[in-house]
C-alpha atoms as a PDB file:
ATOM      1  CA  MET A   1       2.060  -4.216 -23.478  1.00  0.00           C
ATOM      2  CA  ALA A   2       4.375  -7.322 -23.466  1.00  0.00           C
ATOM      3  CA  THR A   3       7.137  -7.949 -25.720  1.00  0.00           C
ATOM      4  CA  PRO A   4       8.570 -11.439 -26.108  1.00  0.00           C
ATOM      5  CA  VAL A   5      12.279 -11.768 -25.486  1.00  0.00           C
ATOM      6  CA  THR A   6      14.883 -14.354 -25.884  1.00  0.00           C
ATOM      7  CA  LEU A   7      18.259 -13.915 -24.253  1.00  0.00           C
ATOM      8  CA  PHE A   8      21.322 -16.258 -24.148  1.00  0.00           C
ATOM      9  CA  SER A   9      23.828 -16.253 -21.239  1.00  0.00           C
ATOM     10  CA  PRO A  10      27.019 -18.408 -21.390  1.00  0.00           C
ATOM     11  CA  LEU A  11      26.426 -19.286 -17.824  1.00  0.00           C
ATOM     12  CA  ASP A  12      24.675 -22.512 -16.784  1.00  0.00           C
ATOM     13  CA  PRO A  13      21.316 -22.202 -15.092  1.00  0.00           C
ATOM     14  CA  ILE A  14      22.383 -22.719 -11.663  1.00  0.00           C
ATOM     15  CA  THR A  15      25.392 -20.392 -11.778  1.00  0.00           C
ATOM     16  CA  LEU A  16      23.175 -17.626 -13.383  1.00  0.00           C
ATOM     17  CA  ALA A  17      20.683 -18.034 -10.696  1.00  0.00           C
ATOM     18  CA  THR A  18      23.132 -17.889  -7.981  1.00  0.00           C
ATOM     19  CA  LYS A  19      24.887 -14.775  -9.529  1.00  0.00           C
ATOM     20  CA  LEU A  20      21.480 -13.073  -9.606  1.00  0.00           C
ATOM     21  CA  LYS A  21      20.616 -14.148  -6.091  1.00  0.00           C
ATOM     22  CA  ASP A  22      23.903 -12.684  -4.858  1.00  0.00           C
ATOM     23  CA  GLU A  23      23.222  -9.372  -6.723  1.00  0.00           C
ATOM     24  CA  MET A  24      19.917  -9.002  -5.393  1.00  0.00           C
ATOM     25  CA  ALA A  25      21.209  -9.622  -1.786  1.00  0.00           C
ATOM     26  CA  LYS A  26      23.548  -6.666  -2.313  1.00  0.00           C
ATOM     27  CA  ARG A  27      20.664  -4.490  -3.738  1.00  0.00           C
ATOM     28  CA  LYS A  28      18.640  -5.131  -0.654  1.00  0.00           C
ATOM     29  CA  LYS A  29      20.652  -2.618   1.149  1.00  0.00           C
ATOM     30  CA  GLN A  30      20.427   0.000  -1.642  1.00  0.00           C
ATOM     31  CA  SER A  31      17.718   2.612  -2.302  1.00  0.00           C
ATOM     32  CA  GLY A  32      16.544   4.288  -5.371  1.00  0.00           C
ATOM     33  CA  PHE A  33      15.632   3.005  -8.696  1.00  0.00           C
ATOM     34  CA  MET A  34      17.109  -0.278  -9.735  1.00  0.00           C
ATOM     35  CA  VAL A  35      16.607  -3.822 -10.971  1.00  0.00           C
ATOM     36  CA  HIS A  36      15.272  -6.111  -8.315  1.00  0.00           C
ATOM     37  CA  GLY A  37      13.379  -9.250  -8.055  1.00  0.00           C
ATOM     38  CA  GLY A  38      13.804 -12.889  -7.605  1.00  0.00           C
ATOM     39  CA  GLY A  39      13.380 -16.453  -9.074  1.00  0.00           C
ATOM     40  CA  THR A  40      14.975 -19.728  -9.256  1.00  0.00           C
ATOM     41  CA  GLU A  41      17.167 -21.651 -11.939  1.00  0.00           C
ATOM     42  CA  LYS A  42      14.093 -22.207 -13.871  1.00  0.00           C
ATOM     43  CA  LYS A  43      12.192 -18.879 -13.472  1.00  0.00           C
ATOM     44  CA  MET A  44      12.985 -15.239 -13.220  1.00  0.00           C
ATOM     45  CA  ASN A  45      10.956 -12.184 -12.220  1.00  0.00           C
ATOM     46  CA  LEU A  46      12.908  -8.684 -12.440  1.00  0.00           C
ATOM     47  CA  VAL A  47      11.326  -5.310 -11.941  1.00  0.00           C
ATOM     48  CA  TYR A  48      12.915  -1.884 -12.626  1.00  0.00           C
ATOM     49  CA  GLY A  49      11.927   0.426  -9.836  1.00  0.00           C
ATOM     50  CA  ARG A  50      12.207   1.258  -6.100  1.00  0.00           C
ATOM     51  CA  ARG A  51      12.294  -1.623  -3.548  1.00  0.00           C
ATOM     52  CA  LYS A  52       9.213  -1.541  -1.132  1.00  0.00           C
ATOM     53  CA  ILE A  53       7.351   1.064  -3.314  1.00  0.00           C
ATOM     54  CA  SER A  54       5.363  -0.533  -6.084  1.00  0.00           C
ATOM     55  CA  PHE A  55       2.164   0.623  -8.042  1.00  0.00           C
ATOM     56  CA  GLY A  56       2.343  -2.512 -10.310  1.00  0.00           C
ATOM     57  CA  VAL A  57       3.049  -0.341 -13.321  1.00  0.00           C
ATOM     58  CA  GLU A  58       6.854  -0.721 -13.410  1.00  0.00           C
ATOM     59  CA  PRO A  59       8.830  -2.319 -16.312  1.00  0.00           C
ATOM     60  CA  LYS A  60       9.264  -6.054 -15.679  1.00  0.00           C
ATOM     61  CA  LEU A  61      10.615  -9.186 -17.050  1.00  0.00           C
ATOM     62  CA  GLN A  62       8.907 -12.524 -16.508  1.00  0.00           C
ATOM     63  CA  ALA A  63      10.894 -15.287 -17.942  1.00  0.00           C
ATOM     64  CA  THR A  64      11.743 -19.050 -17.748  1.00  0.00           C
ATOM     65  CA  MET A  65      15.292 -20.298 -17.995  1.00  0.00           C
ATOM     66  CA  ARG A  66      16.497 -23.612 -19.326  1.00  0.00           C
ATOM     67  CA  GLU A  67      19.893 -25.080 -20.314  1.00  0.00           C
ATOM     68  CA  TYR A  68      20.825 -24.524 -23.893  1.00  0.00           C
ATOM     69  CA  ASP A  69      23.925 -24.917 -26.074  1.00  0.00           C
ATOM     70  CA  GLY A  70      26.330 -24.985 -23.050  1.00  0.00           C
ATOM     71  CA  GLY A  71      24.622 -21.793 -21.301  1.00  0.00           C
ATOM     72  CA  THR A  72      21.129 -20.693 -20.554  1.00  0.00           C
ATOM     73  CA  LEU A  73      18.291 -19.566 -22.671  1.00  0.00           C
ATOM     74  CA  ILE A  74      16.155 -17.080 -21.074  1.00  0.00           C
ATOM     75  CA  SER A  75      12.687 -16.727 -22.623  1.00  0.00           C
ATOM     76  CA  GLY A  76       9.996 -14.527 -21.535  1.00  0.00           C
ATOM     77  CA  GLU A  77       7.876 -11.322 -21.677  1.00  0.00           C
ATOM     78  CA  LEU A  78       9.106  -7.754 -21.216  1.00  0.00           C
ATOM     79  CA  HIS A  79       6.461  -5.470 -19.883  1.00  0.00           C
ATOM     80  CA  GLU A  80       6.451  -1.837 -20.630  1.00  0.00           C
ATOM     81  CA  ALA A  81       5.802   0.660 -17.793  1.00  0.00           C
ATOM     82  CA  GLY A  82       2.351   1.475 -17.311  1.00  0.00           C
ATOM     83  CA  SER A  83       1.013   4.842 -16.424  1.00  0.00           C
ATOM     84  CA  LYS A  84       0.477   5.964 -12.679  1.00  0.00           C
ATOM     85  CA  LYS A  85      -1.878   8.512 -13.864  1.00  0.00           C
ATOM     86  CA  GLN A  86      -4.251   6.113 -15.533  1.00  0.00           C
ATOM     87  CA  PHE A  87      -4.143   3.862 -12.542  1.00  0.00           C
ATOM     88  CA  LEU A  88      -4.953   6.913 -10.135  1.00  0.00           C
ATOM     89  CA  ALA A  89      -7.780   7.916 -12.462  1.00  0.00           C
ATOM     90  CA  VAL A  90      -9.400   4.528 -12.475  1.00  0.00           C
ATOM     91  CA  TRP A  91      -8.993   4.299  -8.626  1.00  0.00           C
ATOM     92  CA  PHE A  92     -10.511   7.897  -8.174  1.00  0.00           C
ATOM     93  CA  GLY A  93     -13.360   6.949 -10.489  1.00  0.00           C
ATOM     94  CA  PHE A  94     -14.094   3.834  -8.431  1.00  0.00           C
ATOM     95  CA  VAL A  95     -14.018   5.575  -5.102  1.00  0.00           C
ATOM     96  CA  ALA A  96     -16.188   8.340  -6.350  1.00  0.00           C
ATOM     97  CA  ILE A  97     -18.920   6.067  -7.779  1.00  0.00           C
ATOM     98  CA  PHE A  98     -18.669   4.113  -4.373  1.00  0.00           C
ATOM     99  CA  PHE A  99     -19.003   7.508  -2.474  1.00  0.00           C
ATOM    100  CA  MET A 100     -22.014   8.658  -4.524  1.00  0.00           C
ATOM    101  CA  ALA A 101     -23.740   5.269  -3.911  1.00  0.00           C
ATOM    102  CA  SER A 102     -23.083   5.717  -0.304  1.00  0.00           C
ATOM    103  CA  LEU A 103     -24.822   9.066  -0.387  1.00  0.00           C
ATOM    104  CA  ALA A 104     -27.743   7.657  -2.150  1.00  0.00           C
ATOM    105  CA  LEU A 105     -28.228   5.293   0.905  1.00  0.00           C
ATOM    106  CA  TRP A 106     -28.958   8.318   2.998  1.00  0.00           C
ATOM    107  CA  GLU A 107     -32.054   9.056   1.011  1.00  0.00           C
ATOM    108  CA  PHE A 108     -33.183   5.685   0.135  1.00  0.00           C
ATOM    109  CA  ASP A 109     -32.329   3.310   2.826  1.00  0.00           C
ATOM    110  CA  ASP A 110     -33.607   3.345   6.588  1.00  0.00           C
ATOM    111  CA  ALA A 111     -30.056   2.344   7.754  1.00  0.00           C
ATOM    112  CA  PRO A 112     -28.875   3.580  11.256  1.00  0.00           C
ATOM    113  CA  LEU A 113     -27.142   6.903  11.201  1.00  0.00           C
ATOM    114  CA  LEU A 114     -23.839   5.685  12.278  1.00  0.00           C
ATOM    115  CA  PHE A 115     -23.746   3.044   9.491  1.00  0.00           C
ATOM    116  CA  ASN A 116     -24.360   5.825   6.780  1.00  0.00           C
ATOM    117  CA  ILE A 117     -21.747   8.024   8.399  1.00  0.00           C
ATOM    118  CA  VAL A 118     -19.018   5.365   8.286  1.00  0.00           C
ATOM    119  CA  PHE A 119     -20.160   4.022   4.972  1.00  0.00           C
ATOM    120  CA  SER A 120     -20.092   7.477   3.430  1.00  0.00           C
ATOM    121  CA  GLY A 121     -17.163   8.814   5.398  1.00  0.00           C
ATOM    122  CA  ILE A 122     -14.602   6.163   4.518  1.00  0.00           C
ATOM    123  CA  PRO A 123     -14.760   6.838   0.794  1.00  0.00           C
ATOM    124  CA  GLY A 124     -15.239  10.646   1.348  1.00  0.00           C
ATOM    125  CA  LEU A 125     -12.072  10.591   3.357  1.00  0.00           C
ATOM    126  CA  MET A 126     -10.215   8.626   0.614  1.00  0.00           C
ATOM    127  CA  LEU A 127     -11.353  11.274  -1.785  1.00  0.00           C
ATOM    128  CA  ILE A 128     -10.105  13.974   0.339  1.00  0.00           C
ATOM    129  CA  ILE A 129      -6.601  12.512   0.885  1.00  0.00           C
ATOM    130  CA  PHE A 130      -6.422  11.867  -2.913  1.00  0.00           C
ATOM    131  CA  GLY A 131      -7.239  15.569  -3.457  1.00  0.00           C
ATOM    132  CA  LEU A 132      -4.663  16.694  -0.946  1.00  0.00           C
ATOM    133  CA  MET A 133      -2.006  14.403  -2.454  1.00  0.00           C
ATOM    134  CA  VAL A 134      -2.705  15.853  -5.999  1.00  0.00           C
ATOM    135  CA  PHE A 135      -2.524  19.332  -4.672  1.00  0.00           C
ATOM    136  CA  LYS A 136       0.857  18.761  -2.692  1.00  0.00           C
ATOM    137  CA  THR A 137       2.556  17.013  -5.621  1.00  0.00           C
ATOM    138  CA  ARG A 138       1.153  19.182  -8.573  1.00  0.00           C
ATOM    139  CA  ASN A 139       4.489  21.104  -8.981  1.00  0.00           C
ATOM    140  CA  ASP A 140       6.768  18.064  -8.448  1.00  0.00           C
ATOM    141  CA  LYS A 141       9.019  17.176 -11.257  1.00  0.00           C
ATOM    142  CA  ASP A 142       8.622  13.900 -13.101  1.00  0.00           C
ATOM    143  CA  VAL A 143      10.991  11.215 -12.150  1.00  0.00           C
ATOM    144  CA  ASP A 144      12.910   9.023 -14.726  1.00  0.00           C
ATOM    145  CA  ARG A 145      11.104   5.723 -13.764  1.00  0.00           C
ATOM    146  CA  GLY A 146      13.053   3.716 -16.431  1.00  0.00           C
ATOM    147  CA  THR A 147      12.280   1.462 -19.239  1.00  0.00           C
ATOM    148  CA  PRO A 148      12.490  -2.319 -19.999  1.00  0.00           C
ATOM    149  CA  GLN A 149      15.997  -1.636 -21.579  1.00  0.00           C
ATOM    150  CA  LYS A 150      17.309  -1.016 -18.099  1.00  0.00           C
ATOM    151  CA  ILE A 151      16.542  -4.803 -17.140  1.00  0.00           C
ATOM    152  CA  LEU A 152      18.165  -6.065 -20.333  1.00  0.00           C
ATOM    153  CA  ASP A 153      21.318  -3.796 -19.576  1.00  0.00           C
ATOM    154  CA  PHE A 154      21.334  -5.319 -16.059  1.00  0.00           C
ATOM    155  CA  LEU A 155      21.326  -8.894 -17.491  1.00  0.00           C
ATOM    156  CA  ALA A 156      24.027  -8.108 -20.073  1.00  0.00           C
ATOM    157  CA  GLU A 157      26.268  -6.631 -17.436  1.00  0.00           C
ATOM    158  CA  THR A 158      25.521  -9.194 -14.589  1.00  0.00           C
ATOM    159  CA  VAL A 159      25.240 -12.441 -16.400  1.00  0.00           C
ATOM    160  CA  GLU A 160      26.398 -11.516 -19.948  1.00  0.00           C
ATOM    161  CA  ALA A 161      22.786 -12.222 -21.349  1.00  0.00           C
ATOM    162  CA  LYS A 162      22.539 -11.173 -25.036  1.00  0.00           C
ATOM    163  CA  SER A 163      19.672 -11.106 -27.213  1.00  0.00           C
ATOM    164  CA  ARG A 164      19.160 -14.360 -29.300  1.00  0.00           C
ATOM    165  CA  ASN A 165      17.232 -15.148 -32.331  1.00  0.00           C
ATOM    166  CA  LEU A 166      16.322 -18.659 -32.643  1.00  0.00           C
END
């Protein structure tokens, strides 16, 4: 779900982009959950999560920036964090359907044996690996994956961006 957001920073767009770029360069050496992303003096894409580990369900801000009233107006959409469990359930369902269809080929198609083994083996192996992952992580504690507010707090701290009603 996306929430429209409008922020104002007293910094001009180029200074703001430079400051964010410098901050992102520092964060490349860090690990753990943090705000990271990129952009230009006209666009901004920020994500709250771990670098190099992404499921596409992290909180994010996609915005445009323009000069306004001696500073920068940041207008965009703040996306809530999605659910990894929903993603994995859809993924598992798709692979399971694909696996069942591949098993049907054993009965209804005259394909060579090696083709059927590979065609059924790959999704079957994916389902086994998924099951092992679920089994191994069943007792793990949930990690606080953050909220979109972490991105807004980061912008307030880094470039003095405050909420603005126009």
